[in-house]
């Protein structure tokens, strides 16, 4: 398997970086249908490619709560109810959540006290919830609409490339 490694110059724009990430993710997923393996590789790709992160990974829907899946970063909360935190809101509303300051978010779950901002993208297959992709940063206001669009495209590539029993 060959894939393009991310070595984006500091002058690359965010849209260019996400386009390169998407290309790399599609190459990573080529020939592999296992959702967990693809989630693990996507977590690592994001972790090593996007600046200013302290956590990047998946929470997968168990049928009753979100359970920790493949990730990169510090030790994390293992289970999240749908009515708790940014991940729970993204999953229950099926809508990407961009939070500039997690300490101002009602019900924020402080798995890592160093996190200051967060973006969570729901993973859905039709109406079916698969989980969420969660990224945290130690900087406030780290994520924006460009990040949301880029990460949503990566999530769609993961969903399309992987089997979801």
N, C-alpha and C. Protein backbone atom coordinates (compact mmCIF):
# COMPACT_ATOMS: atom_id res chain seq x y z
N UNK A 1 0.84 -1.16 0.00
CA UNK A 1 0.00 0.00 0.00
C UNK A 1 0.88 1.23 0.00
N UNK A 2 0.54 2.18 -0.85
CA UNK A 2 1.24 3.45 -0.88
C UNK A 2 0.25 4.55 -0.54
N UNK A 3 0.71 5.53 0.21
CA UNK A 3 -0.10 6.69 0.48
C UNK A 3 0.80 7.89 0.64
N UNK A 4 0.21 9.04 0.38
CA UNK A 4 0.96 10.28 0.47
C UNK A 4 1.10 10.69 1.93
N UNK A 5 2.33 10.93 2.36
CA UNK A 5 2.53 11.39 3.73
C UNK A 5 2.28 12.89 3.79
N UNK A 6 1.89 13.34 4.96
CA UNK A 6 1.61 14.75 5.14
C UNK A 6 2.89 15.46 5.56
N UNK A 7 3.32 16.38 4.77
CA UNK A 7 4.45 17.22 5.08
C UNK A 7 4.14 18.60 4.53
N UNK A 8 3.02 19.15 5.01
CA UNK A 8 2.54 20.42 4.48
C UNK A 8 3.41 21.56 5.00
N UNK A 9 3.84 22.45 4.10
CA UNK A 9 4.61 23.60 4.55
C UNK A 9 3.73 24.51 5.41
N UNK A 10 4.36 25.27 6.28
CA UNK A 10 3.63 26.14 7.19
C UNK A 10 2.77 27.16 6.44
N UNK A 11 3.09 27.42 5.18
CA UNK A 11 2.33 28.40 4.42
C UNK A 11 1.09 27.81 3.76
N UNK A 12 0.89 26.50 3.85
CA UNK A 12 -0.30 25.90 3.27
C UNK A 12 -1.54 26.45 3.95
N UNK A 13 -2.57 26.66 3.14
CA UNK A 13 -3.84 27.11 3.72
C UNK A 13 -4.54 25.91 4.34
N UNK A 14 -5.49 26.18 5.21
CA UNK A 14 -6.25 25.09 5.82
C UNK A 14 -6.97 24.26 4.77
N UNK A 15 -7.64 24.88 3.79
CA UNK A 15 -8.30 24.05 2.78
C UNK A 15 -7.32 23.14 2.03
N UNK A 16 -6.11 23.63 1.74
CA UNK A 16 -5.10 22.80 1.07
C UNK A 16 -4.66 21.65 1.97
N UNK A 17 -4.48 21.94 3.25
CA UNK A 17 -4.09 20.90 4.20
C UNK A 17 -5.16 19.82 4.28
N UNK A 18 -6.43 20.22 4.36
CA UNK A 18 -7.51 19.24 4.44
C UNK A 18 -7.65 18.45 3.13
N UNK A 19 -7.38 19.09 2.00
CA UNK A 19 -7.42 18.37 0.72
C UNK A 19 -6.34 17.28 0.71
N UNK A 20 -5.15 17.61 1.20
CA UNK A 20 -4.07 16.63 1.28
C UNK A 20 -4.40 15.53 2.27
N UNK A 21 -4.98 15.91 3.41
CA UNK A 21 -5.40 14.91 4.40
C UNK A 21 -6.43 13.96 3.79
N UNK A 22 -7.38 14.49 3.07
CA UNK A 22 -8.42 13.66 2.46
C UNK A 22 -7.80 12.67 1.47
N UNK A 23 -6.89 13.16 0.65
CA UNK A 23 -6.20 12.30 -0.32
C UNK A 23 -5.44 11.18 0.40
N UNK A 24 -4.77 11.53 1.49
CA UNK A 24 -4.02 10.54 2.26
C UNK A 24 -4.95 9.53 2.92
N UNK A 25 -6.07 10.01 3.45
CA UNK A 25 -7.03 9.11 4.11
C UNK A 25 -7.60 8.11 3.11
N UNK A 26 -7.99 8.58 1.95
CA UNK A 26 -8.53 7.68 0.92
C UNK A 26 -7.50 6.62 0.56
N UNK A 27 -6.24 7.02 0.43
CA UNK A 27 -5.18 6.05 0.12
C UNK A 27 -4.99 5.06 1.28
N UNK A 28 -5.04 5.56 2.52
CA UNK A 28 -4.91 4.67 3.68
C UNK A 28 -6.01 3.61 3.71
N UNK A 29 -7.23 4.03 3.37
CA UNK A 29 -8.38 3.14 3.43
C UNK A 29 -8.44 2.16 2.25
N UNK A 30 -7.70 2.43 1.21
CA UNK A 30 -7.75 1.61 0.00
C UNK A 30 -7.44 0.15 0.32
N UNK A 31 -8.39 -0.72 0.02
CA UNK A 31 -8.19 -2.15 0.22
C UNK A 31 -8.47 -2.62 1.63
N UNK A 32 -8.85 -1.71 2.53
CA UNK A 32 -9.16 -2.10 3.91
C UNK A 32 -10.58 -1.68 4.25
N UNK A 33 -11.40 -2.63 4.67
CA UNK A 33 -12.81 -2.35 4.97
C UNK A 33 -13.09 -2.34 6.48
N UNK A 34 -12.11 -2.71 7.32
CA UNK A 34 -12.35 -2.78 8.75
C UNK A 34 -12.45 -1.38 9.34
N UNK A 35 -13.61 -1.07 9.95
CA UNK A 35 -13.86 0.27 10.48
C UNK A 35 -12.90 0.65 11.60
N UNK A 36 -12.56 -0.29 12.47
CA UNK A 36 -11.66 0.01 13.58
C UNK A 36 -10.25 0.30 13.08
N UNK A 37 -9.77 -0.52 12.16
CA UNK A 37 -8.44 -0.29 11.59
C UNK A 37 -8.38 1.07 10.89
N UNK A 38 -9.42 1.37 10.12
CA UNK A 38 -9.45 2.64 9.41
C UNK A 38 -9.58 3.82 10.38
N UNK A 39 -10.35 3.65 11.47
CA UNK A 39 -10.46 4.71 12.47
C UNK A 39 -9.12 4.94 13.16
N UNK A 40 -8.40 3.86 13.45
CA UNK A 40 -7.08 3.99 14.08
C UNK A 40 -6.12 4.76 13.18
N UNK A 41 -6.09 4.41 11.91
CA UNK A 41 -5.20 5.11 10.99
C UNK A 41 -5.63 6.57 10.78
N UNK A 42 -6.93 6.81 10.73
CA UNK A 42 -7.39 8.19 10.55
C UNK A 42 -7.05 9.02 11.79
N UNK A 43 -7.19 8.47 12.97
CA UNK A 43 -6.80 9.19 14.20
C UNK A 43 -5.33 9.57 14.16
N UNK A 44 -4.48 8.63 13.77
CA UNK A 44 -3.05 8.90 13.69
C UNK A 44 -2.74 9.94 12.61
N UNK A 45 -3.40 9.82 11.46
CA UNK A 45 -3.18 10.78 10.38
C UNK A 45 -3.54 12.20 10.83
N UNK A 46 -4.68 12.35 11.46
CA UNK A 46 -5.11 13.66 11.96
C UNK A 46 -4.14 14.17 13.02
N UNK A 47 -3.81 13.31 13.98
CA UNK A 47 -2.93 13.69 15.09
C UNK A 47 -1.59 14.22 14.59
N UNK A 48 -1.03 13.56 13.60
CA UNK A 48 0.30 13.94 13.11
C UNK A 48 0.26 15.01 12.03
N UNK A 49 -0.93 15.42 11.60
CA UNK A 49 -1.04 16.38 10.50
C UNK A 49 -1.58 17.74 10.90
N UNK A 50 -2.47 17.76 11.88
CA UNK A 50 -3.08 19.04 12.27
C UNK A 50 -2.34 19.63 13.47
N UNK A 51 -2.04 20.90 13.42
CA UNK A 51 -1.33 21.53 14.54
C UNK A 51 -2.25 21.81 15.73
N UNK A 52 -1.64 21.96 16.87
CA UNK A 52 -2.32 22.42 18.08
C UNK A 52 -3.44 21.51 18.56
N UNK A 53 -3.20 20.20 18.56
CA UNK A 53 -4.16 19.24 19.10
C UNK A 53 -3.57 18.61 20.36
N UNK A 54 -4.43 18.23 21.28
CA UNK A 54 -3.98 17.41 22.40
C UNK A 54 -4.79 16.12 22.49
N UNK A 55 -5.74 15.92 21.55
CA UNK A 55 -6.49 14.67 21.48
C UNK A 55 -7.19 14.59 20.14
N UNK A 56 -7.18 13.42 19.52
CA UNK A 56 -7.91 13.19 18.27
C UNK A 56 -8.34 11.74 18.25
N UNK A 57 -9.64 11.51 18.15
CA UNK A 57 -10.07 10.12 18.11
C UNK A 57 -11.56 9.94 18.02
N UNK A 58 -11.93 8.69 18.18
CA UNK A 58 -13.30 8.25 17.97
C UNK A 58 -13.95 7.80 19.27
N UNK A 59 -15.23 8.08 19.38
CA UNK A 59 -16.13 7.44 20.33
C UNK A 59 -17.17 6.73 19.49
N UNK A 60 -17.37 5.46 19.75
CA UNK A 60 -18.27 4.63 18.93
C UNK A 60 -19.55 4.33 19.70
N UNK A 61 -20.65 4.36 18.99
CA UNK A 61 -21.98 4.14 19.57
C UNK A 61 -22.16 2.67 19.92
N UNK A 62 -22.49 2.40 21.18
CA UNK A 62 -22.67 1.03 21.65
C UNK A 62 -24.13 0.59 21.60
N UNK A 63 -25.03 1.50 21.32
CA UNK A 63 -26.46 1.23 21.39
C UNK A 63 -27.08 1.88 22.61
N UNK A 64 -26.21 2.25 23.58
CA UNK A 64 -26.72 2.95 24.76
C UNK A 64 -25.85 4.14 25.16
N UNK A 65 -24.58 4.16 24.74
CA UNK A 65 -23.70 5.29 25.02
C UNK A 65 -22.53 5.29 24.03
N UNK A 66 -21.72 6.34 24.09
CA UNK A 66 -20.53 6.43 23.26
C UNK A 66 -19.37 5.80 24.03
N UNK A 67 -18.64 4.90 23.38
CA UNK A 67 -17.54 4.19 24.03
C UNK A 67 -16.24 4.55 23.31
N UNK A 68 -15.21 4.77 24.08
CA UNK A 68 -13.90 5.14 23.55
C UNK A 68 -13.46 4.17 22.47
N UNK A 69 -13.03 4.72 21.34
CA UNK A 69 -12.50 3.95 20.23
C UNK A 69 -11.05 4.34 19.97
N UNK A 70 -10.56 4.10 18.77
CA UNK A 70 -9.17 4.45 18.44
C UNK A 70 -8.93 5.95 18.61
N UNK A 71 -7.77 6.29 19.18
CA UNK A 71 -7.44 7.70 19.41
C UNK A 71 -5.95 7.89 19.52
N UNK A 72 -5.55 9.16 19.51
CA UNK A 72 -4.18 9.59 19.77
C UNK A 72 -4.26 10.69 20.82
N UNK A 73 -3.40 10.64 21.82
CA UNK A 73 -3.39 11.67 22.84
C UNK A 73 -3.38 11.07 24.23
N UNK A 74 -3.75 11.89 25.21
CA UNK A 74 -3.77 11.46 26.60
C UNK A 74 -4.88 10.45 26.85
N UNK A 75 -4.79 9.76 27.98
CA UNK A 75 -5.84 8.84 28.41
C UNK A 75 -7.15 9.61 28.42
N UNK A 76 -8.25 8.92 28.04
CA UNK A 76 -9.52 9.60 27.82
C UNK A 76 -10.65 8.98 28.64
N UNK A 77 -11.74 9.71 28.71
CA UNK A 77 -12.97 9.17 29.29
C UNK A 77 -13.38 7.96 28.46
N UNK A 78 -13.91 6.93 29.11
CA UNK A 78 -14.24 5.70 28.40
C UNK A 78 -15.67 5.73 27.85
N UNK A 79 -16.63 6.21 28.63
CA UNK A 79 -18.03 6.21 28.20
C UNK A 79 -18.63 7.60 28.34
N UNK A 80 -19.45 7.97 27.35
CA UNK A 80 -20.13 9.28 27.37
C UNK A 80 -21.60 9.05 27.03
N UNK A 81 -22.47 9.53 27.89
CA UNK A 81 -23.91 9.47 27.63
C UNK A 81 -24.29 10.50 26.58
N UNK A 82 -25.37 10.25 25.87
CA UNK A 82 -25.83 11.16 24.82
C UNK A 82 -26.25 12.52 25.35
N UNK A 83 -26.55 12.63 26.62
CA UNK A 83 -26.97 13.92 27.16
C UNK A 83 -25.83 14.65 27.86
N UNK A 84 -24.57 14.24 27.60
CA UNK A 84 -23.43 14.84 28.29
C UNK A 84 -22.37 15.33 27.31
N UNK A 85 -21.89 16.53 27.56
CA UNK A 85 -20.73 17.07 26.88
C UNK A 85 -20.93 17.37 25.40
N UNK A 86 -19.84 17.79 24.80
CA UNK A 86 -19.84 18.16 23.38
C UNK A 86 -20.06 16.92 22.51
N UNK A 87 -19.43 15.80 22.89
CA UNK A 87 -19.62 14.56 22.12
C UNK A 87 -21.07 14.10 22.16
N UNK A 88 -21.67 14.13 23.35
CA UNK A 88 -23.05 13.72 23.49
C UNK A 88 -23.99 14.59 22.67
N UNK A 89 -23.74 15.89 22.67
CA UNK A 89 -24.59 16.80 21.89
C UNK A 89 -24.44 16.54 20.39
N UNK A 90 -23.21 16.38 19.92
CA UNK A 90 -22.99 16.11 18.49
C UNK A 90 -23.69 14.83 18.08
N UNK A 91 -23.61 13.82 18.93
CA UNK A 91 -24.24 12.53 18.62
C UNK A 91 -25.76 12.64 18.65
N UNK A 92 -26.31 13.28 19.66
CA UNK A 92 -27.77 13.34 19.79
C UNK A 92 -28.39 14.25 18.75
N UNK A 93 -27.71 15.35 18.40
CA UNK A 93 -28.24 16.29 17.40
C UNK A 93 -27.85 15.91 15.98
N UNK A 94 -26.87 14.98 15.85
CA UNK A 94 -26.34 14.60 14.53
C UNK A 94 -25.84 15.83 13.77
N UNK A 95 -25.15 16.70 14.52
CA UNK A 95 -24.66 17.96 13.96
C UNK A 95 -23.27 18.25 14.52
N UNK A 96 -22.35 18.68 13.65
CA UNK A 96 -21.01 19.04 14.08
C UNK A 96 -21.07 20.17 15.09
N UNK A 97 -20.29 20.01 16.16
CA UNK A 97 -20.20 21.00 17.22
C UNK A 97 -18.81 21.62 17.22
N UNK A 98 -18.74 22.94 17.11
CA UNK A 98 -17.48 23.68 17.20
C UNK A 98 -17.57 24.53 18.45
N UNK A 99 -16.70 24.27 19.42
CA UNK A 99 -16.76 24.96 20.71
C UNK A 99 -15.44 25.72 20.90
N UNK A 100 -15.53 27.04 20.90
CA UNK A 100 -14.36 27.90 21.02
C UNK A 100 -13.72 27.83 22.41
N UNK A 101 -14.57 27.72 23.45
CA UNK A 101 -14.08 27.66 24.82
C UNK A 101 -14.89 26.60 25.56
N UNK A 102 -14.30 25.44 25.79
CA UNK A 102 -15.04 24.34 26.41
C UNK A 102 -15.47 24.67 27.83
N UNK A 103 -14.78 25.59 28.49
CA UNK A 103 -15.15 25.93 29.86
C UNK A 103 -16.44 26.75 29.90
N UNK A 104 -16.85 27.30 28.76
CA UNK A 104 -18.11 28.05 28.67
C UNK A 104 -19.25 27.15 28.15
N UNK A 105 -18.95 25.90 27.83
CA UNK A 105 -19.95 24.98 27.30
C UNK A 105 -20.66 24.29 28.46
N UNK A 106 -21.98 24.46 28.57
CA UNK A 106 -22.70 23.81 29.68
C UNK A 106 -22.59 22.28 29.60
N UNK A 107 -22.18 21.68 30.70
CA UNK A 107 -22.07 20.23 30.76
C UNK A 107 -20.81 19.65 30.16
N UNK A 108 -19.81 20.50 29.86
CA UNK A 108 -18.55 20.00 29.29
C UNK A 108 -17.95 18.93 30.20
N UNK A 109 -17.44 17.87 29.60
CA UNK A 109 -16.79 16.80 30.33
C UNK A 109 -15.29 17.05 30.26
N UNK A 110 -14.66 17.27 31.38
CA UNK A 110 -13.24 17.61 31.42
C UNK A 110 -12.39 16.35 31.57
N UNK A 111 -12.29 15.58 30.48
CA UNK A 111 -11.41 14.41 30.50
C UNK A 111 -9.96 14.85 30.63
N UNK A 112 -9.62 15.96 29.96
CA UNK A 112 -8.28 16.52 30.03
C UNK A 112 -8.42 17.99 30.41
N UNK A 113 -7.99 18.38 31.59
CA UNK A 113 -8.14 19.78 32.02
C UNK A 113 -7.37 20.77 31.15
N UNK A 114 -6.43 20.28 30.33
CA UNK A 114 -5.68 21.17 29.45
C UNK A 114 -6.45 21.55 28.19
N UNK A 115 -7.53 20.85 27.87
CA UNK A 115 -8.31 21.17 26.67
C UNK A 115 -9.02 22.51 26.85
N UNK A 116 -8.98 23.31 25.79
CA UNK A 116 -9.61 24.63 25.80
C UNK A 116 -10.68 24.77 24.72
N UNK A 117 -10.50 24.07 23.59
CA UNK A 117 -11.50 24.12 22.52
C UNK A 117 -11.68 22.72 21.96
N UNK A 118 -12.81 22.53 21.25
CA UNK A 118 -13.14 21.18 20.81
C UNK A 118 -14.00 21.26 19.55
N UNK A 119 -13.85 20.24 18.71
CA UNK A 119 -14.75 20.05 17.57
C UNK A 119 -15.13 18.58 17.55
N UNK A 120 -16.42 18.32 17.35
CA UNK A 120 -16.92 16.95 17.33
C UNK A 120 -17.81 16.79 16.11
N UNK A 121 -17.50 15.78 15.29
CA UNK A 121 -18.25 15.49 14.07
C UNK A 121 -19.00 14.17 14.27
N UNK A 122 -20.33 14.18 14.09
CA UNK A 122 -21.06 12.92 14.23
C UNK A 122 -20.76 11.97 13.08
N UNK A 123 -20.79 10.68 13.37
CA UNK A 123 -20.60 9.64 12.37
C UNK A 123 -21.96 8.99 12.17
N UNK A 124 -22.55 9.20 11.00
CA UNK A 124 -23.87 8.65 10.74
C UNK A 124 -23.88 7.93 9.39
N UNK A 125 -24.67 6.89 9.33
CA UNK A 125 -24.90 6.13 8.10
C UNK A 125 -26.41 6.16 7.89
N UNK A 126 -26.87 7.08 7.04
CA UNK A 126 -28.29 7.34 6.95
C UNK A 126 -28.73 7.95 8.27
N UNK A 127 -29.74 7.37 8.88
CA UNK A 127 -30.21 7.83 10.19
C UNK A 127 -29.48 7.16 11.35
N UNK A 128 -28.66 6.17 11.04
CA UNK A 128 -28.00 5.36 12.06
C UNK A 128 -26.76 6.05 12.63
N UNK A 129 -26.68 6.16 13.94
CA UNK A 129 -25.53 6.73 14.61
C UNK A 129 -24.43 5.68 14.75
N UNK A 130 -23.22 6.01 14.30
CA UNK A 130 -22.06 5.13 14.44
C UNK A 130 -21.15 5.60 15.57
N UNK A 131 -21.16 6.90 15.84
CA UNK A 131 -20.31 7.46 16.86
C UNK A 131 -19.98 8.90 16.55
N UNK A 132 -18.80 9.36 17.03
CA UNK A 132 -18.33 10.72 16.77
C UNK A 132 -16.81 10.71 16.58
N UNK A 133 -16.33 11.68 15.84
CA UNK A 133 -14.90 12.00 15.75
C UNK A 133 -14.71 13.25 16.61
N UNK A 134 -13.79 13.19 17.55
CA UNK A 134 -13.59 14.24 18.54
C UNK A 134 -12.15 14.74 18.48
N UNK A 135 -11.97 16.06 18.37
CA UNK A 135 -10.64 16.67 18.42
C UNK A 135 -10.65 17.74 19.50
N UNK A 136 -9.61 17.74 20.32
CA UNK A 136 -9.44 18.75 21.37
C UNK A 136 -8.15 19.52 21.12
N UNK A 137 -8.15 20.76 21.60
CA UNK A 137 -6.95 21.60 21.50
C UNK A 137 -6.70 22.29 22.83
N UNK A 138 -5.43 22.51 23.17
CA UNK A 138 -5.11 23.27 24.39
C UNK A 138 -5.26 24.78 24.19
N UNK A 139 -5.71 25.21 23.00
CA UNK A 139 -5.87 26.63 22.70
C UNK A 139 -7.35 26.96 22.50
N UNK A 140 -7.79 28.09 23.03
CA UNK A 140 -9.17 28.51 22.77
C UNK A 140 -9.30 28.92 21.31
N UNK A 141 -10.50 28.76 20.80
CA UNK A 141 -10.86 29.20 19.45
C UNK A 141 -9.99 28.56 18.36
N UNK A 142 -9.56 27.31 18.56
CA UNK A 142 -8.68 26.61 17.61
C UNK A 142 -9.41 26.19 16.35
N UNK A 143 -10.71 25.84 16.44
CA UNK A 143 -11.44 25.24 15.33
C UNK A 143 -12.44 26.23 14.73
N UNK A 144 -12.65 26.08 13.42
CA UNK A 144 -13.58 26.97 12.73
C UNK A 144 -14.36 26.19 11.66
N UNK A 145 -15.07 26.92 10.82
CA UNK A 145 -15.91 26.30 9.78
C UNK A 145 -15.07 25.52 8.77
N UNK A 146 -13.85 25.95 8.50
CA UNK A 146 -12.98 25.23 7.57
C UNK A 146 -12.60 23.87 8.17
N UNK A 147 -12.30 23.85 9.47
CA UNK A 147 -12.03 22.58 10.14
C UNK A 147 -13.26 21.68 10.08
N UNK A 148 -14.43 22.24 10.35
CA UNK A 148 -15.66 21.44 10.32
C UNK A 148 -15.85 20.81 8.94
N UNK A 149 -15.70 21.59 7.90
CA UNK A 149 -15.88 21.08 6.54
C UNK A 149 -14.84 20.01 6.21
N UNK A 150 -13.59 20.27 6.56
CA UNK A 150 -12.52 19.31 6.27
C UNK A 150 -12.69 18.00 7.03
N UNK A 151 -13.05 18.10 8.30
CA UNK A 151 -13.25 16.89 9.11
C UNK A 151 -14.49 16.13 8.69
N UNK A 152 -15.54 16.83 8.30
CA UNK A 152 -16.74 16.16 7.79
C UNK A 152 -16.43 15.36 6.53
N UNK A 153 -15.57 15.91 5.67
CA UNK A 153 -15.17 15.17 4.46
C UNK A 153 -14.36 13.93 4.83
N UNK A 154 -13.48 14.03 5.83
CA UNK A 154 -12.71 12.87 6.28
C UNK A 154 -13.62 11.80 6.86
N UNK A 155 -14.62 12.21 7.63
CA UNK A 155 -15.58 11.28 8.21
C UNK A 155 -16.36 10.55 7.11
N UNK A 156 -16.79 11.29 6.09
CA UNK A 156 -17.50 10.65 4.97
C UNK A 156 -16.62 9.64 4.26
N UNK A 157 -15.33 9.97 4.10
CA UNK A 157 -14.41 9.02 3.47
C UNK A 157 -14.28 7.76 4.32
N UNK A 158 -14.19 7.91 5.65
CA UNK A 158 -14.10 6.76 6.57
C UNK A 158 -15.36 5.91 6.50
N UNK A 159 -16.52 6.57 6.52
CA UNK A 159 -17.80 5.83 6.47
C UNK A 159 -17.90 5.06 5.16
N UNK A 160 -17.56 5.70 4.06
CA UNK A 160 -17.66 5.08 2.73
C UNK A 160 -16.70 3.91 2.55
N UNK A 161 -15.51 4.02 3.15
CA UNK A 161 -14.48 3.02 2.95
C UNK A 161 -14.62 1.81 3.86
N UNK A 162 -15.41 1.95 4.93
CA UNK A 162 -15.43 0.94 5.99
C UNK A 162 -16.76 0.19 6.06
N UNK A 163 -16.68 -1.06 6.51
CA UNK A 163 -17.89 -1.84 6.80
C UNK A 163 -18.39 -1.47 8.18
N UNK A 164 -19.70 -1.30 8.28
CA UNK A 164 -20.33 -0.94 9.55
C UNK A 164 -21.48 -1.90 9.82
N UNK A 165 -21.16 -3.01 10.51
CA UNK A 165 -22.20 -4.02 10.74
C UNK A 165 -23.37 -3.50 11.58
